[in-house]
Amino acid sequence: MKRILAALALVLACTAARAQQWAVQTNLMDYLNFGTLNIEGAVAFHQHWSATAVAKLNPFHFKKGGEPLNARQQVFGAGVRYWPWHVYSGWWAGTRVQYQEYNRGGIKNPTTDEGNRWGLGLSGGFSYMINPHLNIDVGAGVWGGWDRYTTYSCPVCGLVKDKGSRAFILPNDLLLALVYVF
């Protein structure tokens, strides 16, 4: 842990105090996923590179015809983006490590899955510069890794249907984000 904090301090110390070093964004598409709250921060540490950190949270409970409907999750990730032209403008490609705790059920059928996933994601996209401080990012990504899960017969009964671990590959972000660049 001390090495990670030292590496982060080194990256932050190497960034000059100049304009357009920091950015914060929110993905509008995540709000369509049952109101998932999200924020991503970024810091440019080179003309072509930025480091990112993301957090998502969906603690909400819904009902459909009196039955529970869940798409709860909390996600934490950190990664980097490569910008061929200049940081925070134009095309980008990125990677990140990610952890997700989830509980999803009652959407297509009455079964409920919950568990923990961790893995590596790859993504790409384009950042449209609206003005010097406002961008719109579009992009998509996939991630894969390991999933420890439990499947229940229904959202509230507690009857275990399946339990175990498995590898996975899933879509990660469908990105339409508002970005504020400091």
Protein backbone atom coordinates (compact mmCIF):
# COMPACT_ATOMS: atom_id res chain seq x y z
CA MET A 1 0.00 0.00 0.00
CA LYS A 2 2.88 2.37 0.82
CA ARG A 3 4.37 1.75 -2.64
CA ILE A 4 1.08 2.56 -4.36
CA LEU A 5 0.75 5.82 -2.41
CA ALA A 6 4.38 6.69 -3.16
CA ALA A 7 3.84 6.04 -6.90
CA LEU A 8 0.68 8.19 -6.88
CA ALA A 9 2.54 10.99 -5.06
CA LEU A 10 5.34 10.78 -7.63
CA VAL A 11 2.91 11.05 -10.56
CA LEU A 12 1.14 14.02 -8.95
CA ALA A 13 4.46 15.71 -8.14
CA CYS A 14 5.66 15.31 -11.75
CA THR A 15 2.64 17.13 -13.16
CA ALA A 16 3.29 20.81 -13.66
CA ALA A 17 0.72 23.26 -12.33
CA ARG A 18 -0.66 24.39 -15.67
CA ALA A 19 -4.06 24.60 -17.31
CA GLN A 20 -5.98 21.53 -18.43
CA GLN A 21 -4.21 19.06 -16.17
CA TRP A 22 -7.31 17.80 -14.35
CA ALA A 23 -10.72 16.68 -15.54
CA VAL A 24 -13.87 15.30 -13.96
CA GLN A 25 -16.68 13.57 -15.85
CA THR A 26 -19.97 11.76 -15.45
CA ASN A 27 -21.33 9.15 -17.85
CA LEU A 28 -24.93 9.94 -18.83
CA MET A 29 -25.49 6.37 -20.08
CA ASP A 30 -24.95 5.01 -16.55
CA TYR A 31 -27.94 7.02 -15.33
CA LEU A 32 -30.07 5.03 -17.79
CA ASN A 33 -28.95 1.85 -16.01
CA PHE A 34 -31.45 2.22 -13.16
CA GLY A 35 -29.95 5.54 -12.04
CA THR A 36 -26.35 4.45 -11.45
CA LEU A 37 -24.47 7.41 -9.96
CA ASN A 38 -20.94 7.78 -11.33
CA ILE A 39 -17.91 10.02 -11.42
CA GLU A 40 -14.50 9.74 -13.04
CA GLY A 41 -11.50 11.90 -12.34
CA ALA A 42 -8.42 12.25 -14.52
CA VAL A 43 -5.03 13.89 -14.32
CA ALA A 44 -2.75 14.47 -17.31
CA PHE A 45 0.84 13.49 -16.60
CA HIS A 46 2.15 13.80 -20.15
CA GLN A 47 0.99 15.37 -23.43
CA HIS A 48 -0.37 11.97 -24.52
CA TRP A 49 -1.22 10.24 -21.22
CA SER A 50 -3.75 10.65 -18.41
CA ALA A 51 -4.41 8.61 -15.27
CA THR A 52 -8.04 7.96 -14.34
CA ALA A 53 -10.05 6.81 -11.34
CA VAL A 54 -13.73 5.86 -11.51
CA ALA A 55 -16.46 5.16 -8.95
CA LYS A 56 -20.05 4.05 -9.57
CA LEU A 57 -22.84 3.43 -7.11
CA ASN A 58 -26.39 2.17 -7.49
CA PRO A 59 -28.04 1.56 -4.09
CA PHE A 60 -31.61 1.86 -5.39
CA HIS A 61 -34.44 -0.68 -5.00
CA PHE A 62 -37.26 -0.82 -7.54
CA LYS A 63 -40.49 -2.77 -7.86
CA LYS A 64 -42.16 -4.11 -11.00
CA GLY A 65 -45.73 -5.32 -10.40
CA GLY A 66 -45.01 -5.61 -6.67
CA GLU A 67 -41.92 -7.77 -7.29
CA PRO A 68 -38.39 -6.53 -6.44
CA LEU A 69 -36.22 -5.34 -9.31
CA ASN A 70 -32.51 -4.86 -8.55
CA ALA A 71 -29.56 -3.51 -10.50
CA ARG A 72 -27.47 -2.53 -7.50
CA GLN A 73 -23.72 -2.20 -7.78
CA GLN A 74 -20.65 -0.43 -6.60
CA VAL A 75 -17.64 -0.17 -8.90
CA PHE A 76 -14.12 1.12 -8.33
CA GLY A 77 -11.41 1.32 -10.96
CA ALA A 78 -8.15 2.99 -11.91
CA GLY A 79 -6.33 3.15 -15.22
CA VAL A 80 -4.67 5.15 -17.95
CA ARG A 81 -5.66 6.64 -21.31
CA TYR A 82 -3.43 7.24 -24.30
CA TRP A 83 -4.27 10.27 -26.47
CA PRO A 84 -2.50 10.22 -29.89
CA TRP A 85 -3.02 13.92 -30.56
CA HIS A 86 -3.22 15.72 -27.21
CA VAL A 87 -4.62 14.86 -23.80
CA TYR A 88 -8.40 15.54 -23.39
CA SER A 89 -9.00 16.01 -27.13
CA GLY A 90 -9.53 13.64 -30.04
CA TRP A 91 -9.22 9.87 -30.06
CA TRP A 92 -8.14 7.89 -27.01
CA ALA A 93 -7.52 4.28 -25.95
CA GLY A 94 -7.53 3.17 -22.36
CA THR A 95 -7.15 0.35 -19.91
CA ARG A 96 -8.05 -0.02 -16.25
CA VAL A 97 -8.24 -2.47 -13.39
CA GLN A 98 -11.71 -2.69 -11.88
CA TYR A 99 -13.66 -4.19 -8.98
CA GLN A 100 -17.44 -4.58 -8.92
CA GLU A 101 -19.80 -5.73 -6.17
CA TYR A 102 -23.24 -6.41 -7.68
CA ASN A 103 -26.78 -7.61 -6.99
CA ARG A 104 -28.95 -7.94 -10.09
CA GLY A 105 -32.31 -9.66 -10.34
CA GLY A 106 -35.96 -9.63 -11.29
CA ILE A 107 -35.25 -7.86 -14.59
CA LYS A 108 -35.68 -10.61 -17.20
CA ASN A 109 -36.64 -13.47 -14.88
CA PRO A 110 -37.10 -13.96 -11.14
CA THR A 111 -33.55 -15.21 -10.46
CA THR A 112 -31.09 -12.92 -8.71
CA ASP A 113 -27.30 -12.91 -9.09
CA GLU A 114 -24.95 -11.30 -6.62
CA GLY A 115 -21.23 -11.39 -6.20
CA ASN A 116 -17.86 -9.78 -6.69
CA ARG A 117 -15.97 -9.31 -9.95
CA TRP A 118 -12.46 -8.03 -10.56
CA GLY A 119 -10.52 -7.75 -13.76
CA LEU A 120 -9.02 -5.67 -16.55
CA GLY A 121 -10.88 -3.46 -19.01
CA LEU A 122 -10.04 -2.06 -22.44
CA SER A 123 -11.85 0.89 -23.98
CA GLY A 124 -11.65 3.48 -26.72
CA GLY A 125 -13.43 6.60 -27.80
CA PHE A 126 -13.36 10.19 -28.92
CA SER A 127 -13.47 13.42 -26.94
CA TYR A 128 -15.27 16.36 -28.63
CA MET A 129 -14.08 19.74 -27.39
CA ILE A 130 -17.10 22.05 -26.95
CA ASN A 131 -15.01 24.85 -25.41
CA PRO A 132 -11.72 24.99 -23.45
CA HIS A 133 -13.40 23.61 -20.31
CA LEU A 134 -16.23 21.38 -21.60
CA ASN A 135 -15.93 18.15 -23.59
CA ILE A 136 -18.28 15.37 -24.60
CA ASP A 137 -16.76 11.88 -24.60
CA VAL A 138 -18.19 8.98 -26.59
CA GLY A 139 -16.77 5.49 -26.39
CA ALA A 140 -17.18 1.84 -25.48
CA GLY A 141 -15.26 -0.86 -23.69
CA VAL A 142 -15.13 -4.45 -22.50
CA TRP A 143 -13.71 -6.02 -19.40
CA GLY A 144 -12.88 -9.51 -18.29
CA GLY A 145 -11.68 -11.23 -15.21
CA TRP A 146 -12.94 -13.42 -12.39
CA ASP A 147 -16.42 -13.54 -10.84
CA ARG A 148 -17.44 -15.08 -7.50
CA TYR A 149 -21.21 -15.34 -7.61
CA THR A 150 -24.32 -16.73 -5.96
CA THR A 151 -27.57 -17.20 -7.89
CA TYR A 152 -30.85 -17.18 -5.97
CA SER A 153 -34.22 -18.51 -7.20
CA CYS A 154 -35.93 -15.19 -6.49
CA PRO A 155 -34.97 -11.71 -5.24
CA VAL A 156 -36.31 -12.26 -1.70
CA CYS A 157 -36.58 -16.03 -1.01
CA GLY A 158 -32.91 -16.74 -0.23
CA LEU A 159 -33.00 -20.18 -1.93
CA VAL A 160 -29.55 -20.73 -3.46
CA LYS A 161 -29.77 -22.05 -7.01
CA ASP A 162 -26.06 -21.94 -7.93
CA LYS A 163 -22.81 -20.77 -6.39
CA GLY A 164 -19.22 -20.65 -7.57
CA SER A 165 -16.51 -18.84 -9.48
CA ARG A 166 -16.08 -18.28 -13.19
CA ALA A 167 -14.20 -16.25 -15.74
CA PHE A 168 -16.15 -13.57 -17.60
CA ILE A 169 -15.98 -11.10 -20.48
CA LEU A 170 -18.64 -8.37 -20.42
CA PRO A 171 -19.33 -4.98 -21.97
CA ASN A 172 -17.96 -2.36 -19.61
CA ASP A 173 -18.84 1.18 -20.53
CA LEU A 174 -21.12 2.55 -23.16
CA LEU A 175 -19.88 6.10 -22.81
CA LEU A 176 -21.66 9.40 -23.44
CA ALA A 177 -20.04 11.62 -20.84
CA LEU A 178 -19.92 15.29 -19.91
CA VAL A 179 -16.35 16.27 -19.05
CA TYR A 180 -15.22 19.41 -17.25
CA VAL A 181 -11.52 20.19 -17.83
CA PHE A 182 -9.82 22.41 -15.24
